[in-house]
PDB file of N, CA and C in Angstrom:
ATOM      1  N   MET A   1       3.972 -11.262   8.000  1.00  0.00           N
ATOM      2  CA  MET A   1       3.530 -10.246   7.072  1.00  0.00           C
ATOM      3  C   MET A   1       2.102  -9.814   7.381  1.00  0.00           C
ATOM      4  N   ILE A   2       1.169 -10.750   7.491  1.00  0.00           N
ATOM      5  CA  ILE A   2      -0.238 -10.404   7.666  1.00  0.00           C
ATOM      6  C   ILE A   2      -0.472  -9.669   8.981  1.00  0.00           C
ATOM      7  N   ALA A   3       0.243 -10.027  10.032  1.00  0.00           N
ATOM      8  CA  ALA A   3       0.059  -9.318  11.299  1.00  0.00           C
ATOM      9  C   ALA A   3       0.364  -7.834  11.117  1.00  0.00           C
ATOM     10  N   ASP A   4       1.417  -7.525  10.368  1.00  0.00           N
ATOM     11  CA  ASP A   4       1.754  -6.125  10.120  1.00  0.00           C
ATOM     12  C   ASP A   4       0.665  -5.426   9.315  1.00  0.00           C
ATOM     13  N   ILE A   5       0.171  -6.103   8.272  1.00  0.00           N
ATOM     14  CA  ILE A   5      -0.889  -5.529   7.454  1.00  0.00           C
ATOM     15  C   ILE A   5      -2.144  -5.334   8.300  1.00  0.00           C
ATOM     16  N   GLY A   6      -2.490  -6.346   9.078  1.00  0.00           N
ATOM     17  CA  GLY A   6      -3.655  -6.247   9.940  1.00  0.00           C
ATOM     18  C   GLY A   6      -3.539  -5.086  10.905  1.00  0.00           C
ATOM     19  N   GLU A   7      -2.357  -4.906  11.455  1.00  0.00           N
ATOM     20  CA  GLU A   7      -2.148  -3.790  12.385  1.00  0.00           C
ATOM     21  C   GLU A   7      -2.318  -2.455  11.668  1.00  0.00           C
ATOM     22  N   MET A   8      -1.834  -2.353  10.433  1.00  0.00           N
ATOM     23  CA  MET A   8      -1.998  -1.111   9.681  1.00  0.00           C
ATOM     24  C   MET A   8      -3.476  -0.813   9.461  1.00  0.00           C
ATOM     25  N   PHE A   9      -4.253  -1.848   9.122  1.00  0.00           N
ATOM     26  CA  PHE A   9      -5.683  -1.656   8.929  1.00  0.00           C
ATOM     27  C   PHE A   9      -6.349  -1.248  10.238  1.00  0.00           C
ATOM     28  N   HIS A  10      -5.961  -1.899  11.341  1.00  0.00           N
ATOM     29  CA  HIS A  10      -6.579  -1.583  12.619  1.00  0.00           C
ATOM     30  C   HIS A  10      -6.285  -0.154  13.056  1.00  0.00           C
ATOM     31  N   ILE A  11      -5.084   0.318  12.817  1.00  0.00           N
ATOM     32  CA  ILE A  11      -4.763   1.705  13.151  1.00  0.00           C
ATOM     33  C   ILE A  11      -5.677   2.645  12.377  1.00  0.00           C
ATOM     34  N   ALA A  12      -5.818   2.374  11.093  1.00  0.00           N
ATOM     35  CA  ALA A  12      -6.655   3.228  10.250  1.00  0.00           C
ATOM     36  C   ALA A  12      -8.117   3.164  10.675  1.00  0.00           C
ATOM     37  N   LEU A  13      -8.592   1.971  11.027  1.00  0.00           N
ATOM     38  CA  LEU A  13     -10.010   1.815  11.346  1.00  0.00           C
ATOM     39  C   LEU A  13     -10.356   2.305  12.749  1.00  0.00           C
ATOM     40  N   ARG A  14      -9.426   2.202  13.692  1.00  0.00           N
ATOM     41  CA  ARG A  14      -9.694   2.671  15.055  1.00  0.00           C
ATOM     42  C   ARG A  14      -9.790   4.180  15.129  1.00  0.00           C
ATOM     43  N   ASN A  15      -9.085   4.855  14.252  1.00  0.00           N
ATOM     44  CA  ASN A  15      -9.053   6.308  14.270  1.00  0.00           C
ATOM     45  C   ASN A  15      -9.575   6.819  12.929  1.00  0.00           C
ATOM     46  N   PRO A  16     -10.867   7.089  12.823  1.00  0.00           N
ATOM     47  CA  PRO A  16     -11.455   7.458  11.541  1.00  0.00           C
ATOM     48  C   PRO A  16     -10.827   8.687  10.900  1.00  0.00           C
ATOM     49  N   THR A  17     -10.226   9.558  11.680  1.00  0.00           N
ATOM     50  CA  THR A  17      -9.608  10.740  11.085  1.00  0.00           C
ATOM     51  C   THR A  17      -8.231  10.429  10.514  1.00  0.00           C
ATOM     52  N   TYR A  18      -7.701   9.232  10.807  1.00  0.00           N
ATOM     53  CA  TYR A  18      -6.363   8.860  10.353  1.00  0.00           C
ATOM     54  C   TYR A  18      -6.271   8.824   8.828  1.00  0.00           C
ATOM     55  N   MET A  19      -7.291   8.325   8.173  1.00  0.00           N
ATOM     56  CA  MET A  19      -7.278   8.196   6.719  1.00  0.00           C
ATOM     57  C   MET A  19      -8.492   8.911   6.139  1.00  0.00           C
ATOM     58  N   ARG A  20      -8.347  10.172   5.817  1.00  0.00           N
ATOM     59  CA  ARG A  20      -9.488  10.925   5.323  1.00  0.00           C
ATOM     60  C   ARG A  20      -9.562  11.009   3.808  1.00  0.00           C
ATOM     61  N   THR A  21      -8.453  11.273   3.172  1.00  0.00           N
ATOM     62  CA  THR A  21      -8.503  11.567   1.748  1.00  0.00           C
ATOM     63  C   THR A  21      -8.165  10.346   0.906  1.00  0.00           C
ATOM     64  N   LEU A  22      -8.603  10.394  -0.324  1.00  0.00           N
ATOM     65  CA  LEU A  22      -8.289   9.321  -1.258  1.00  0.00           C
ATOM     66  C   LEU A  22      -6.783   9.202  -1.455  1.00  0.00           C
ATOM     67  N   GLU A  23      -6.086  10.325  -1.457  1.00  0.00           N
ATOM     68  CA  GLU A  23      -4.633  10.308  -1.610  1.00  0.00           C
ATOM     69  C   GLU A  23      -3.961   9.598  -0.437  1.00  0.00           C
ATOM     70  N   GLU A  24      -4.509   9.756   0.755  1.00  0.00           N
ATOM     71  CA  GLU A  24      -3.962   9.048   1.917  1.00  0.00           C
ATOM     72  C   GLU A  24      -4.232   7.551   1.806  1.00  0.00           C
ATOM     73  N   HIS A  25      -5.410   7.195   1.313  1.00  0.00           N
ATOM     74  CA  HIS A  25      -5.696   5.776   1.071  1.00  0.00           C
ATOM     75  C   HIS A  25      -4.726   5.218   0.030  1.00  0.00           C
ATOM     76  N   TYR A  26      -4.476   6.002  -1.005  1.00  0.00           N
ATOM     77  CA  TYR A  26      -3.549   5.588  -2.054  1.00  0.00           C
ATOM     78  C   TYR A  26      -2.147   5.385  -1.479  1.00  0.00           C
ATOM     79  N   ALA A  27      -1.727   6.271  -0.598  1.00  0.00           N
ATOM     80  CA  ALA A  27      -0.406   6.151   0.027  1.00  0.00           C
ATOM     81  C   ALA A  27      -0.310   4.878   0.858  1.00  0.00           C
ATOM     82  N   LEU A  28      -1.371   4.538   1.592  1.00  0.00           N
ATOM     83  CA  LEU A  28      -1.362   3.307   2.374  1.00  0.00           C
ATOM     84  C   LEU A  28      -1.368   2.097   1.446  1.00  0.00           C
ATOM     85  N   LEU A  29      -2.161   2.147   0.383  1.00  0.00           N
ATOM     86  CA  LEU A  29      -2.159   1.053  -0.592  1.00  0.00           C
ATOM     87  C   LEU A  29      -0.753   0.868  -1.170  1.00  0.00           C
ATOM     88  N   GLU A  30      -0.088   1.972  -1.475  1.00  0.00           N
ATOM     89  CA  GLU A  30       1.272   1.900  -2.006  1.00  0.00           C
ATOM     90  C   GLU A  30       2.206   1.201  -1.009  1.00  0.00           C
ATOM     91  N   ARG A  31       2.079   1.533   0.257  1.00  0.00           N
ATOM     92  CA  ARG A  31       2.899   0.860   1.284  1.00  0.00           C
ATOM     93  C   ARG A  31       2.568  -0.615   1.380  1.00  0.00           C
ATOM     94  N   LEU A  32       1.282  -0.942   1.327  1.00  0.00           N
ATOM     95  CA  LEU A  32       0.881  -2.346   1.417  1.00  0.00           C
ATOM     96  C   LEU A  32       1.403  -3.151   0.227  1.00  0.00           C
ATOM     97  N   VAL A  33       1.424  -2.524  -0.940  1.00  0.00           N
ATOM     98  CA  VAL A  33       1.932  -3.199  -2.138  1.00  0.00           C
ATOM     99  C   VAL A  33       3.449  -3.293  -2.093  1.00  0.00           C
ATOM    100  N   ASN A  34       4.122  -2.180  -1.852  1.00  0.00           N
ATOM    101  CA  ASN A  34       5.585  -2.148  -1.936  1.00  0.00           C
ATOM    102  C   ASN A  34       6.287  -2.768  -0.732  1.00  0.00           C
ATOM    103  N   ASP A  35       5.789  -2.503   0.454  1.00  0.00           N
ATOM    104  CA  ASP A  35       6.472  -2.967   1.660  1.00  0.00           C
ATOM    105  C   ASP A  35       5.986  -4.338   2.127  1.00  0.00           C
ATOM    106  N   GLU A  36       4.700  -4.600   1.958  1.00  0.00           N
ATOM    107  CA  GLU A  36       4.108  -5.823   2.498  1.00  0.00           C
ATOM    108  C   GLU A  36       3.743  -6.859   1.432  1.00  0.00           C
ATOM    109  N   ASN A  37       3.857  -6.481   0.156  1.00  0.00           N
ATOM    110  CA  ASN A  37       3.521  -7.400  -0.950  1.00  0.00           C
ATOM    111  C   ASN A  37       2.126  -8.010  -0.797  1.00  0.00           C
ATOM    112  N   ILE A  38       1.170  -7.166  -0.432  1.00  0.00           N
ATOM    113  CA  ILE A  38      -0.186  -7.647  -0.156  1.00  0.00           C
ATOM    114  C   ILE A  38      -0.823  -8.343  -1.367  1.00  0.00           C
ATOM    115  N   TYR A  39      -0.403  -7.961  -2.565  1.00  0.00           N
ATOM    116  CA  TYR A  39      -0.956  -8.560  -3.783  1.00  0.00           C
ATOM    117  C   TYR A  39      -0.663 -10.049  -3.882  1.00  0.00           C
ATOM    118  N   LEU A  40       0.292 -10.556  -3.120  1.00  0.00           N
ATOM    119  CA  LEU A  40       0.624 -11.980  -3.152  1.00  0.00           C
ATOM    120  C   LEU A  40      -0.303 -12.823  -2.287  1.00  0.00           C
ATOM    121  N   ASP A  41      -1.021 -12.201  -1.385  1.00  0.00           N
ATOM    122  CA  ASP A  41      -1.894 -12.934  -0.472  1.00  0.00           C
ATOM    123  C   ASP A  41      -3.281 -13.058  -1.092  1.00  0.00           C
ATOM    124  N   PRO A  42      -3.697 -14.285  -1.456  1.00  0.00           N
ATOM    125  CA  PRO A  42      -4.998 -14.455  -2.101  1.00  0.00           C
ATOM    126  C   PRO A  42      -6.184 -14.077  -1.212  1.00  0.00           C
ATOM    127  N   SER A  43      -5.977 -13.968   0.088  1.00  0.00           N
ATOM    128  CA  SER A  43      -7.080 -13.564   0.965  1.00  0.00           C
ATOM    129  C   SER A  43      -7.285 -12.045   0.944  1.00  0.00           C
ATOM    130  N   PHE A  44      -6.439 -11.314   0.200  1.00  0.00           N
ATOM    131  CA  PHE A  44      -6.578  -9.872   0.073  1.00  0.00           C
ATOM    132  C   PHE A  44      -6.683  -9.457  -1.396  1.00  0.00           C
ATOM    133  N   PRO A  45      -7.785  -9.848  -2.080  1.00  0.00           N
ATOM    134  CA  PRO A  45      -7.974  -9.321  -3.434  1.00  0.00           C
ATOM    135  C   PRO A  45      -8.217  -7.809  -3.356  1.00  0.00           C
ATOM    136  N   PHE A  46      -8.089  -7.140  -4.477  1.00  0.00           N
ATOM    137  CA  PHE A  46      -8.150  -5.688  -4.488  1.00  0.00           C
ATOM    138  C   PHE A  46      -9.439  -5.139  -3.877  1.00  0.00           C
ATOM    139  N   ASP A  47     -10.576  -5.747  -4.181  1.00  0.00           N
ATOM    140  CA  ASP A  47     -11.834  -5.216  -3.638  1.00  0.00           C
ATOM    141  C   ASP A  47     -11.875  -5.317  -2.115  1.00  0.00           C
ATOM    142  N   ARG A  48     -11.299  -6.378  -1.542  1.00  0.00           N
ATOM    143  CA  ARG A  48     -11.275  -6.510  -0.077  1.00  0.00           C
ATOM    144  C   ARG A  48     -10.337  -5.467   0.539  1.00  0.00           C
ATOM    145  N   VAL A  49      -9.206  -5.229  -0.104  1.00  0.00           N
ATOM    146  CA  VAL A  49      -8.280  -4.212   0.398  1.00  0.00           C
ATOM    147  C   VAL A  49      -8.977  -2.857   0.441  1.00  0.00           C
ATOM    148  N   CYS A  50      -9.727  -2.536  -0.604  1.00  0.00           N
ATOM    149  CA  CYS A  50     -10.470  -1.266  -0.619  1.00  0.00           C
ATOM    150  C   CYS A  50     -11.473  -1.200   0.523  1.00  0.00           C
ATOM    151  N   ARG A  51     -12.202  -2.287   0.744  1.00  0.00           N
ATOM    152  CA  ARG A  51     -13.176  -2.305   1.845  1.00  0.00           C
ATOM    153  C   ARG A  51     -12.475  -2.110   3.183  1.00  0.00           C
ATOM    154  N   LEU A  52     -11.354  -2.790   3.382  1.00  0.00           N
ATOM    155  CA  LEU A  52     -10.631  -2.666   4.646  1.00  0.00           C
ATOM    156  C   LEU A  52     -10.065  -1.259   4.841  1.00  0.00           C
ATOM    157  N   LEU A  53      -9.676  -0.633   3.739  1.00  0.00           N
ATOM    158  CA  LEU A  53      -9.188   0.740   3.824  1.00  0.00           C
ATOM    159  C   LEU A  53     -10.317   1.729   4.056  1.00  0.00           C
ATOM    160  N   GLY A  54     -11.549   1.306   3.748  1.00  0.00           N
ATOM    161  CA  GLY A  54     -12.683   2.208   3.894  1.00  0.00           C
ATOM    162  C   GLY A  54     -12.830   3.160   2.728  1.00  0.00           C
ATOM    163  N   VAL A  55     -12.377   2.734   1.563  1.00  0.00           N
ATOM    164  CA  VAL A  55     -12.456   3.567   0.360  1.00  0.00           C
ATOM    165  C   VAL A  55     -13.303   2.838  -0.682  1.00  0.00           C
ATOM    166  N   LYS A  56     -14.034   3.594  -1.468  1.00  0.00           N
ATOM    167  CA  LYS A  56     -14.826   2.989  -2.527  1.00  0.00           C
ATOM    168  C   LYS A  56     -13.894   2.486  -3.618  1.00  0.00           C
ATOM    169  N   ARG A  57     -14.133   1.272  -4.024  1.00  0.00           N
ATOM    170  CA  ARG A  57     -13.290   0.653  -5.043  1.00  0.00           C
ATOM    171  C   ARG A  57     -13.250   1.501  -6.320  1.00  0.00           C
ATOM    172  N   ARG A  58     -14.386   1.996  -6.731  1.00  0.00           N
ATOM    173  CA  ARG A  58     -14.420   2.765  -7.983  1.00  0.00           C
ATOM    174  C   ARG A  58     -13.567   4.032  -7.878  1.00  0.00           C
ATOM    175  N   ASP A  59     -13.528   4.627  -6.681  1.00  0.00           N
ATOM    176  CA  ASP A  59     -12.692   5.809  -6.489  1.00  0.00           C
ATOM    177  C   ASP A  59     -11.207   5.453  -6.569  1.00  0.00           C
ATOM    178  N   MET A  60     -10.834   4.342  -5.917  1.00  0.00           N
ATOM    179  CA  MET A  60      -9.433   3.928  -5.958  1.00  0.00           C
ATOM    180  C   MET A  60      -9.044   3.488  -7.372  1.00  0.00           C
ATOM    181  N   ASP A  61      -9.953   2.788  -8.059  1.00  0.00           N
ATOM    182  CA  ASP A  61      -9.688   2.398  -9.449  1.00  0.00           C
ATOM    183  C   ASP A  61      -9.458   3.629 -10.327  1.00  0.00           C
ATOM    184  N   ALA A  62     -10.278   4.647 -10.138  1.00  0.00           N
ATOM    185  CA  ALA A  62     -10.127   5.872 -10.932  1.00  0.00           C
ATOM    186  C   ALA A  62      -8.778   6.538 -10.660  1.00  0.00           C
ATOM    187  N   LEU A  63      -8.378   6.580  -9.398  1.00  0.00           N
ATOM    188  CA  LEU A  63      -7.085   7.165  -9.049  1.00  0.00           C
ATOM    189  C   LEU A  63      -5.937   6.344  -9.638  1.00  0.00           C
ATOM    190  N   LEU A  64      -6.036   5.022  -9.541  1.00  0.00           N
ATOM    191  CA  LEU A  64      -4.992   4.165 -10.114  1.00  0.00           C
ATOM    192  C   LEU A  64      -4.912   4.327 -11.630  1.00  0.00           C
ATOM    193  N   ARG A  65      -6.058   4.420 -12.284  1.00  0.00           N
ATOM    194  CA  ARG A  65      -6.042   4.625 -13.745  1.00  0.00           C
ATOM    195  C   ARG A  65      -5.360   5.948 -14.089  1.00  0.00           C
ATOM    196  N   ARG A  66      -5.652   6.973 -13.306  1.00  0.00           N
ATOM    197  CA  ARG A  66      -5.045   8.278 -13.552  1.00  0.00           C
ATOM    198  C   ARG A  66      -3.536   8.251 -13.294  1.00  0.00           C
ATOM    199  N   GLU A  67      -3.119   7.602 -12.207  1.00  0.00           N
ATOM    200  CA  GLU A  67      -1.712   7.601 -11.819  1.00  0.00           C
ATOM    201  C   GLU A  67      -0.884   6.550 -12.555  1.00  0.00           C
ATOM    202  N   LEU A  68      -1.460   5.349 -12.751  1.00  0.00           N
ATOM    203  CA  LEU A  68      -0.686   4.225 -13.282  1.00  0.00           C
ATOM    204  C   LEU A  68      -1.195   3.689 -14.615  1.00  0.00           C
ATOM    205  N   GLY A  69      -2.406   4.085 -14.990  1.00  0.00           N
ATOM    206  CA  GLY A  69      -2.973   3.607 -16.248  1.00  0.00           C
ATOM    207  C   GLY A  69      -3.648   2.256 -16.166  1.00  0.00           C
ATOM    208  N   VAL A  70      -3.845   1.728 -14.950  1.00  0.00           N
ATOM    209  CA  VAL A  70      -4.517   0.434 -14.761  1.00  0.00           C
ATOM    210  C   VAL A  70      -5.434   0.514 -13.548  1.00  0.00           C
ATOM    211  N   ASP A  71      -6.422  -0.385 -13.507  1.00  0.00           N
ATOM    212  CA  ASP A  71      -7.267  -0.458 -12.313  1.00  0.00           C
ATOM    213  C   ASP A  71      -6.615  -1.383 -11.283  1.00  0.00           C
ATOM    214  N   GLY A  72      -7.233  -1.525 -10.138  1.00  0.00           N
ATOM    215  CA  GLY A  72      -6.649  -2.296  -9.043  1.00  0.00           C
ATOM    216  C   GLY A  72      -6.458  -3.764  -9.345  1.00  0.00           C
ATOM    217  N   ASP A  73      -7.456  -4.400  -9.965  1.00  0.00           N
ATOM    218  CA  ASP A  73      -7.318  -5.814 -10.309  1.00  0.00           C
ATOM    219  C   ASP A  73      -6.167  -6.022 -11.285  1.00  0.00           C
ATOM    220  N   ALA A  74      -6.062  -5.156 -12.277  1.00  0.00           N
ATOM    221  CA  ALA A  74      -4.978  -5.276 -13.256  1.00  0.00           C
ATOM    222  C   ALA A  74      -3.621  -5.035 -12.590  1.00  0.00           C
ATOM    223  N   LEU A  75      -3.563  -4.106 -11.650  1.00  0.00           N
ATOM    224  CA  LEU A  75      -2.323  -3.848 -10.931  1.00  0.00           C
ATOM    225  C   LEU A  75      -1.884  -5.096 -10.169  1.00  0.00           C
ATOM    226  N   PHE A  76      -2.788  -5.663  -9.368  1.00  0.00           N
ATOM    227  CA  PHE A  76      -2.443  -6.859  -8.589  1.00  0.00           C
ATOM    228  C   PHE A  76      -2.058  -8.002  -9.521  1.00  0.00           C
ATOM    229  N   LYS A  77      -2.801  -8.186 -10.600  1.00  0.00           N
ATOM    230  CA  LYS A  77      -2.515  -9.272 -11.544  1.00  0.00           C
ATOM    231  C   LYS A  77      -1.138  -9.090 -12.182  1.00  0.00           C
ATOM    232  N   SER A  78      -0.817  -7.880 -12.606  1.00  0.00           N
ATOM    233  CA  SER A  78       0.482  -7.661 -13.255  1.00  0.00           C
ATOM    234  C   SER A  78       1.633  -7.821 -12.264  1.00  0.00           C
ATOM    235  N   LEU A  79       1.436  -7.403 -11.018  1.00  0.00           N
ATOM    236  CA  LEU A  79       2.484  -7.582 -10.012  1.00  0.00           C
ATOM    237  C   LEU A  79       2.723  -9.061  -9.725  1.00  0.00           C
ATOM    238  N   ARG A  80       1.634  -9.836  -9.628  1.00  0.00           N
ATOM    239  CA  ARG A  80       1.780 -11.276  -9.416  1.00  0.00           C
ATOM    240  C   ARG A  80       2.462 -11.932 -10.610  1.00  0.00           C
ATOM    241  N   ALA A  81       2.089 -11.523 -11.811  1.00  0.00           N
ATOM    242  CA  ALA A  81       2.660 -12.122 -13.022  1.00  0.00           C
ATOM    243  C   ALA A  81       4.142 -11.796 -13.160  1.00  0.00           C
ATOM    244  N   ALA A  82       4.571 -10.646 -12.677  1.00  0.00           N
ATOM    245  CA  ALA A  82       5.970 -10.236 -12.802  1.00  0.00           C
ATOM    246  C   ALA A  82       6.874 -10.894 -11.752  1.00  0.00           C
ATOM    247  N   LEU A  83       6.288 -11.467 -10.712  1.00  0.00           N
ATOM    248  CA  LEU A  83       7.086 -12.018  -9.626  1.00  0.00           C
ATOM    249  C   LEU A  83       8.052 -13.116 -10.075  1.00  0.00           C
ATOM    250  N   PRO A  84       7.633 -14.112 -10.835  1.00  0.00           N
ATOM    251  CA  PRO A  84       8.589 -15.156 -11.222  1.00  0.00           C
ATOM    252  C   PRO A  84       9.817 -14.601 -11.944  1.00  0.00           C
ATOM    253  N   GLU A  85       9.615 -13.667 -12.836  1.00  0.00           N
ATOM    254  CA  GLU A  85      10.755 -13.088 -13.551  1.00  0.00           C
ATOM    255  C   GLU A  85      11.681 -12.328 -12.597  1.00  0.00           C
ATOM    256  N   ARG A  86      11.089 -11.568 -11.676  1.00  0.00           N
ATOM    257  CA  ARG A  86      11.918 -10.841 -10.699  1.00  0.00           C
ATOM    258  C   ARG A  86      12.731 -11.802  -9.846  1.00  0.00           C
ATOM    259  N   LEU A  87      12.095 -12.883  -9.389  1.00  0.00           N
ATOM    260  CA  LEU A  87      12.803 -13.843  -8.548  1.00  0.00           C
ATOM    261  C   LEU A  87      13.856 -14.609  -9.343  1.00  0.00           C
ATOM    262  N   GLU A  88      13.565 -14.871 -10.604  1.00  0.00           N
ATOM    263  CA  GLU A  88      14.557 -15.539 -11.445  1.00  0.00           C
ATOM    264  C   GLU A  88      15.790 -14.646 -11.613  1.00  0.00           C
ATOM    265  N   ARG A  89      15.549 -13.365 -11.928  1.00  0.00           N
ATOM    266  CA  ARG A  89      16.668 -12.423 -12.092  1.00  0.00           C
ATOM    267  C   ARG A  89      17.456 -12.264 -10.798  1.00  0.00           C
ATOM    268  N   LYS A  90      16.743 -12.136  -9.707  1.00  0.00           N
ATOM    269  CA  LYS A  90      17.399 -11.826  -8.440  1.00  0.00           C
ATOM    270  C   LYS A  90      18.048 -13.055  -7.794  1.00  0.00           C
ATOM    271  N   TYR A  91      17.353 -14.205  -7.852  1.00  0.00           N
ATOM    272  CA  TYR A  91      17.814 -15.376  -7.107  1.00  0.00           C
ATOM    273  C   TYR A  91      18.069 -16.608  -7.972  1.00  0.00           C
ATOM    274  N   GLY A  92      17.809 -16.532  -9.268  1.00  0.00           N
ATOM    275  CA  GLY A  92      18.014 -17.692 -10.142  1.00  0.00           C
ATOM    276  C   GLY A  92      17.036 -18.820  -9.869  1.00  0.00           C
ATOM    277  N   LEU A  93      15.776 -18.504  -9.611  1.00  0.00           N
ATOM    278  CA  LEU A  93      14.775 -19.513  -9.238  1.00  0.00           C
ATOM    279  C   LEU A  93      13.938 -20.001 -10.417  1.00  0.00           C
ATOM    280  N   LYS A  94      14.473 -19.981 -11.620  1.00  0.00           N
ATOM    281  CA  LYS A  94      13.706 -20.374 -12.805  1.00  0.00           C
ATOM    282  C   LYS A  94      13.137 -21.776 -12.696  1.00  0.00           C
ATOM    283  N   CYS A  95      13.928 -22.727 -12.267  1.00  0.00           N
ATOM    284  CA  CYS A  95      13.453 -24.114 -12.179  1.00  0.00           C
ATOM    285  C   CYS A  95      12.273 -24.242 -11.240  1.00  0.00           C
ATOM    286  N   PHE A  96      12.304 -23.517 -10.136  1.00  0.00           N
ATOM    287  CA  PHE A  96      11.220 -23.551  -9.167  1.00  0.00           C
ATOM    288  C   PHE A  96       9.898 -23.155  -9.811  1.00  0.00           C
ATOM    289  N   PHE A  97       9.913 -22.102 -10.630  1.00  0.00           N
ATOM    290  CA  PHE A  97       8.675 -21.600 -11.208  1.00  0.00           C
ATOM    291  C   PHE A  97       8.221 -22.382 -12.428  1.00  0.00           C
ATOM    292  N   GLN A  98       9.090 -23.169 -13.040  1.00  0.00           N
ATOM    293  CA  GLN A  98       8.661 -24.001 -14.167  1.00  0.00           C
ATOM    294  C   GLN A  98       7.701 -25.077 -13.695  1.00  0.00           C
ATOM    295  N   GLU A  99       7.785 -25.464 -12.421  1.00  0.00           N
ATOM    296  CA  GLU A  99       6.910 -26.499 -11.883  1.00  0.00           C
ATOM    297  C   GLU A  99       5.546 -25.980 -11.491  1.00  0.00           C
ATOM    298  N   LEU A 100       5.406 -24.679 -11.295  1.00  0.00           N
ATOM    299  CA  LEU A 100       4.135 -24.098 -10.835  1.00  0.00           C
ATOM    300  C   LEU A 100       3.138 -23.962 -11.931  1.00  0.00           C
TER     301      LEU A 100
END
């Protein structure tokens, strides 16, 4: 997973024109969240993801509040909190998460 995420960041950083607008940063963040589950990796808190994307955290937070009604930290926290329920529904892993 991380190699793919790292490669996505490197593509964006090697070519400064690749990611110009906040909306493009948002689209990449959406891919990292939905496709790569970056919110599960503790080495990628929201502020670090913003730095790696080359976007100001406050700008991304403002966009997330406008689009989703939450800031980046709240988004990552809610996605992490929802994971046990999703896995329980999908795979029946309730016992596994009772121990955590």
